[in-house]
């Protein structure tokens, strides 16, 4: 019997015959927080993600591109990685270059352009699937059009979020969207720029991901 088999045998021998009654998670969350309006959830989401040093801008459904341009100009960024296979990525790629912002697309395997991705891509632009108001967390659902590296490698990550897709809690997001029926290879929960305090116990941003996070939040009353 191998060491692995011996360990598994001990675990099985000491495991309880029954897990007992499972906690009523749904019932707990039903009383955990009252339902809120879209505006209230957007306000709470913004409060918590800004506490984590993210920038949030309220934009209209038709005006987010202008704010995107203003943010890039203010940060002196003249190149933005986009996903041409998405509606927002295609629009950025069409409208920003005439304004002086190059918009290369993530449309080839990373092995073919890894040096440019890691050394010559100052910002990436993706959309959020939704968000969680309780913790100020963005939900990203990487796919073939918007691979995970778009939100992990560039120093500045800009995210387009529809406030109508903000949930009260993580549990509500999972239940409403039916996450139990299928998840992507990587689903991302982002609550602010990358940070660590492991180095001399000093908080540092951008240690293992973007050092800046910008959210363009689409709100109907803007």
Protein backbone atom coordinates (compact mmCIF):
# COMPACT_ATOMS: atom_id res chain seq x y z
CA UNK A 1 0.00 0.00 0.00
CA UNK A 2 1.41 3.38 -0.98
CA UNK A 3 1.62 6.38 1.35
CA UNK A 4 -1.27 7.95 -0.56
CA UNK A 5 -3.43 4.86 -0.09
CA UNK A 6 -2.64 4.73 3.64
CA UNK A 7 -3.63 8.38 4.09
CA UNK A 8 -6.89 7.91 2.19
CA UNK A 9 -7.69 4.77 4.19
CA UNK A 10 -7.23 6.67 7.48
CA UNK A 11 -9.45 9.51 6.27
CA UNK A 12 -12.19 7.09 5.22
CA UNK A 13 -11.96 5.22 8.52
CA UNK A 14 -12.51 8.37 10.57
CA UNK A 15 -15.11 9.98 8.31
CA UNK A 16 -18.61 10.26 9.81
CA UNK A 17 -21.21 7.96 8.32
CA UNK A 18 -23.52 10.88 7.63
CA UNK A 19 -22.90 14.55 7.11
CA UNK A 20 -26.10 15.30 9.01
CA UNK A 21 -28.53 17.99 8.07
CA UNK A 22 -27.01 20.56 5.75
CA UNK A 23 -27.42 24.21 6.78
CA UNK A 24 -30.23 26.15 5.13
CA UNK A 25 -27.99 28.53 3.21
CA UNK A 26 -30.81 29.88 1.06
CA UNK A 27 -32.96 30.57 4.11
CA UNK A 28 -30.15 32.41 5.85
CA UNK A 29 -29.51 34.65 2.84
CA UNK A 30 -33.24 35.31 2.44
CA UNK A 31 -33.16 37.16 5.76
CA UNK A 32 -29.60 38.39 5.49
CA UNK A 33 -30.38 41.50 3.49
CA UNK A 34 -33.55 43.09 2.19
CA UNK A 35 -34.03 43.62 -1.52
CA UNK A 36 -32.66 46.88 -2.86
CA UNK A 37 -33.29 48.99 -5.93
CA UNK A 38 -30.76 48.98 -8.76
CA UNK A 39 -29.67 52.47 -7.73
CA UNK A 40 -29.13 51.43 -4.10
CA UNK A 41 -27.10 48.37 -5.11
CA UNK A 42 -25.00 50.50 -7.46
CA UNK A 43 -24.34 53.00 -4.66
CA UNK A 44 -23.29 50.27 -2.23
CA UNK A 45 -21.12 48.51 -4.80
CA UNK A 46 -19.39 51.78 -5.61
CA UNK A 47 -18.76 52.55 -1.95
CA UNK A 48 -17.00 49.28 -1.24
CA UNK A 49 -14.93 48.99 -4.41
CA UNK A 50 -13.75 52.58 -4.04
CA UNK A 51 -12.61 51.73 -0.51
CA UNK A 52 -10.31 49.22 -2.23
CA UNK A 53 -8.81 52.03 -4.36
CA UNK A 54 -10.73 51.42 -7.57
CA UNK A 55 -11.94 54.33 -9.70
CA UNK A 56 -15.65 54.34 -10.58
CA UNK A 57 -17.38 56.57 -13.15
CA UNK A 58 -21.11 56.64 -13.76
CA UNK A 59 -21.83 56.63 -17.50
CA UNK A 60 -24.86 56.45 -19.75
CA UNK A 61 -25.53 53.50 -22.03
CA UNK A 62 -24.59 55.57 -25.05
CA UNK A 63 -21.89 57.70 -23.46
CA UNK A 64 -19.43 55.26 -21.95
CA UNK A 65 -17.01 55.53 -24.88
CA UNK A 66 -16.49 59.25 -24.28
CA UNK A 67 -15.67 58.61 -20.63
CA UNK A 68 -13.32 55.80 -21.65
CA UNK A 69 -11.49 58.23 -23.90
CA UNK A 70 -11.33 60.83 -21.11
CA UNK A 71 -9.90 58.30 -18.65
CA UNK A 72 -7.25 57.13 -21.11
CA UNK A 73 -6.30 60.70 -21.98
CA UNK A 74 -6.02 61.70 -18.31
CA UNK A 75 -3.71 58.76 -17.67
CA UNK A 76 -1.74 59.48 -20.87
CA UNK A 77 -2.47 56.02 -22.23
CA UNK A 78 -2.40 55.77 -26.02
CA UNK A 79 -2.87 52.02 -26.42
CA UNK A 80 -5.76 49.88 -25.19
CA UNK A 81 -6.09 46.11 -25.55
CA UNK A 82 -9.64 45.21 -26.63
CA UNK A 83 -11.66 42.16 -27.62
CA UNK A 84 -12.87 42.71 -31.21
CA UNK A 85 -15.30 39.80 -30.89
CA UNK A 86 -17.40 41.68 -28.33
CA UNK A 87 -19.77 44.59 -28.94
CA UNK A 88 -17.91 46.95 -26.59
CA UNK A 89 -14.51 45.87 -27.89
CA UNK A 90 -15.52 46.35 -31.51
CA UNK A 91 -16.91 49.81 -30.75
CA UNK A 92 -13.72 50.87 -28.99
CA UNK A 93 -11.61 49.54 -31.84
CA UNK A 94 -13.72 51.48 -34.33
CA UNK A 95 -14.04 54.83 -32.53
CA UNK A 96 -10.89 55.33 -30.46
CA UNK A 97 -8.07 55.13 -33.08
CA UNK A 98 -9.23 58.34 -34.83
CA UNK A 99 -8.86 60.02 -31.43
CA UNK A 100 -5.26 58.86 -31.07
CA UNK A 101 -5.82 55.68 -29.05
CA UNK A 102 -4.49 52.50 -30.69
CA UNK A 103 -6.72 49.50 -30.03
CA UNK A 104 -4.98 46.22 -30.81
CA UNK A 105 -7.20 43.18 -30.47
CA UNK A 106 -6.63 40.02 -28.50
CA UNK A 107 -7.32 37.82 -31.50
CA UNK A 108 -4.27 35.53 -31.73
CA UNK A 109 -2.78 32.90 -29.37
CA UNK A 110 -0.77 34.48 -26.57
CA UNK A 111 2.33 32.49 -27.55
CA UNK A 112 2.56 34.59 -30.74
CA UNK A 113 2.74 37.96 -29.00
CA UNK A 114 3.68 37.37 -25.37
CA UNK A 115 6.50 40.01 -25.32
CA UNK A 116 4.14 42.71 -26.57
CA UNK A 117 1.41 41.66 -24.13
CA UNK A 118 3.70 41.82 -21.11
CA UNK A 119 5.90 44.74 -22.12
CA UNK A 120 3.95 46.99 -24.46
CA UNK A 121 0.29 46.87 -23.37
CA UNK A 122 -0.45 49.61 -20.83
CA UNK A 123 -4.18 48.95 -20.44
CA UNK A 124 -6.84 46.31 -21.06
CA UNK A 125 -10.58 46.79 -21.57
CA UNK A 126 -13.12 44.10 -20.66
CA UNK A 127 -16.75 43.84 -19.60
CA UNK A 128 -18.06 42.49 -16.32
CA UNK A 129 -20.73 39.82 -16.25
CA UNK A 130 -22.07 41.40 -13.08
CA UNK A 131 -21.08 42.59 -9.63
CA UNK A 132 -21.75 42.05 -5.93
CA UNK A 133 -22.89 45.06 -3.91
CA UNK A 134 -22.14 43.58 -0.49
CA UNK A 135 -18.41 43.33 -1.09
CA UNK A 136 -17.81 45.70 -4.02
CA UNK A 137 -16.81 42.85 -6.27
CA UNK A 138 -16.78 42.55 -10.07
CA UNK A 139 -17.68 39.24 -11.71
CA UNK A 140 -15.72 38.46 -14.88
CA UNK A 141 -16.46 35.47 -17.09
CA UNK A 142 -13.42 34.97 -19.35
CA UNK A 143 -14.01 33.28 -22.70
CA UNK A 144 -12.39 32.93 -26.11
CA UNK A 145 -13.18 36.57 -26.96
CA UNK A 146 -11.95 38.00 -23.64
CA UNK A 147 -9.26 35.68 -22.25
CA UNK A 148 -8.29 35.90 -18.60
CA UNK A 149 -4.93 37.55 -19.33
CA UNK A 150 -6.71 40.72 -20.52
CA UNK A 151 -7.66 41.47 -16.92
CA UNK A 152 -4.49 40.17 -15.27
CA UNK A 153 -1.50 41.44 -17.25
CA UNK A 154 -1.91 45.12 -18.32
CA UNK A 155 -1.04 47.61 -15.54
CA UNK A 156 -4.42 49.33 -15.94
CA UNK A 157 -7.65 47.33 -16.16
CA UNK A 158 -10.78 49.16 -17.34
CA UNK A 159 -14.10 47.37 -16.88
CA UNK A 160 -17.52 48.14 -18.36
CA UNK A 161 -20.29 47.22 -15.90
CA UNK A 162 -24.06 47.43 -16.35
CA UNK A 163 -25.54 48.45 -12.99
CA UNK A 164 -28.62 46.37 -13.82
CA UNK A 165 -26.43 43.28 -13.27
CA UNK A 166 -25.38 44.09 -9.71
CA UNK A 167 -26.53 41.55 -7.11
CA UNK A 168 -26.97 42.02 -3.38
CA UNK A 169 -24.78 39.06 -2.39
CA UNK A 170 -22.49 36.40 -3.85
CA UNK A 171 -25.17 33.80 -3.07
CA UNK A 172 -27.77 35.74 -5.04
CA UNK A 173 -25.45 36.00 -8.04
CA UNK A 174 -24.76 32.25 -8.07
CA UNK A 175 -28.40 31.27 -7.61
CA UNK A 176 -29.88 33.78 -10.07
CA UNK A 177 -27.41 32.93 -12.83
CA UNK A 178 -27.44 29.19 -12.20
CA UNK A 179 -23.70 28.80 -11.70
CA UNK A 180 -24.26 25.21 -10.63
CA UNK A 181 -25.17 24.38 -14.23
CA UNK A 182 -21.78 25.33 -15.61
CA UNK A 183 -18.75 27.52 -15.02
CA UNK A 184 -15.99 28.70 -17.35
CA UNK A 185 -12.45 27.43 -16.90
CA UNK A 186 -11.76 30.58 -14.92
CA UNK A 187 -14.33 32.87 -13.32
CA UNK A 188 -12.85 35.97 -11.72
CA UNK A 189 -13.99 37.95 -8.69
CA UNK A 190 -12.23 41.32 -8.56
CA UNK A 191 -12.59 43.66 -5.59
CA UNK A 192 -9.91 46.23 -6.42
CA UNK A 193 -6.44 46.61 -7.94
CA UNK A 194 -3.87 43.91 -7.33
CA UNK A 195 -2.19 44.38 -3.97
CA UNK A 196 -0.02 42.64 -1.40
CA UNK A 197 1.43 43.41 2.01
CA UNK A 198 3.87 40.49 2.03
CA UNK A 199 6.84 42.73 1.23
CA UNK A 200 8.08 44.22 4.51
CA UNK A 201 4.44 44.44 5.65
CA UNK A 202 3.97 47.45 3.36
CA UNK A 203 0.86 47.56 1.18
CA UNK A 204 1.92 47.66 -2.48
CA UNK A 205 -0.30 47.79 -5.55
CA UNK A 206 0.36 45.98 -8.82
CA UNK A 207 2.51 43.22 -7.36
CA UNK A 208 0.77 40.38 -9.22
CA UNK A 209 -1.74 42.09 -11.51
CA UNK A 210 -3.08 45.52 -12.51
CA UNK A 211 -2.09 48.36 -10.22
CA UNK A 212 -5.11 50.40 -11.30
CA UNK A 213 -8.74 49.35 -11.69
CA UNK A 214 -11.24 51.62 -13.42
CA UNK A 215 -14.98 50.82 -13.57
CA UNK A 216 -17.30 52.47 -16.08
CA UNK A 217 -20.71 51.79 -14.54
CA UNK A 218 -23.70 52.16 -16.84
CA UNK A 219 -26.63 53.67 -14.96
CA UNK A 220 -30.01 54.51 -16.44
CA UNK A 221 -30.32 57.86 -14.66
CA UNK A 222 -27.05 59.24 -16.06
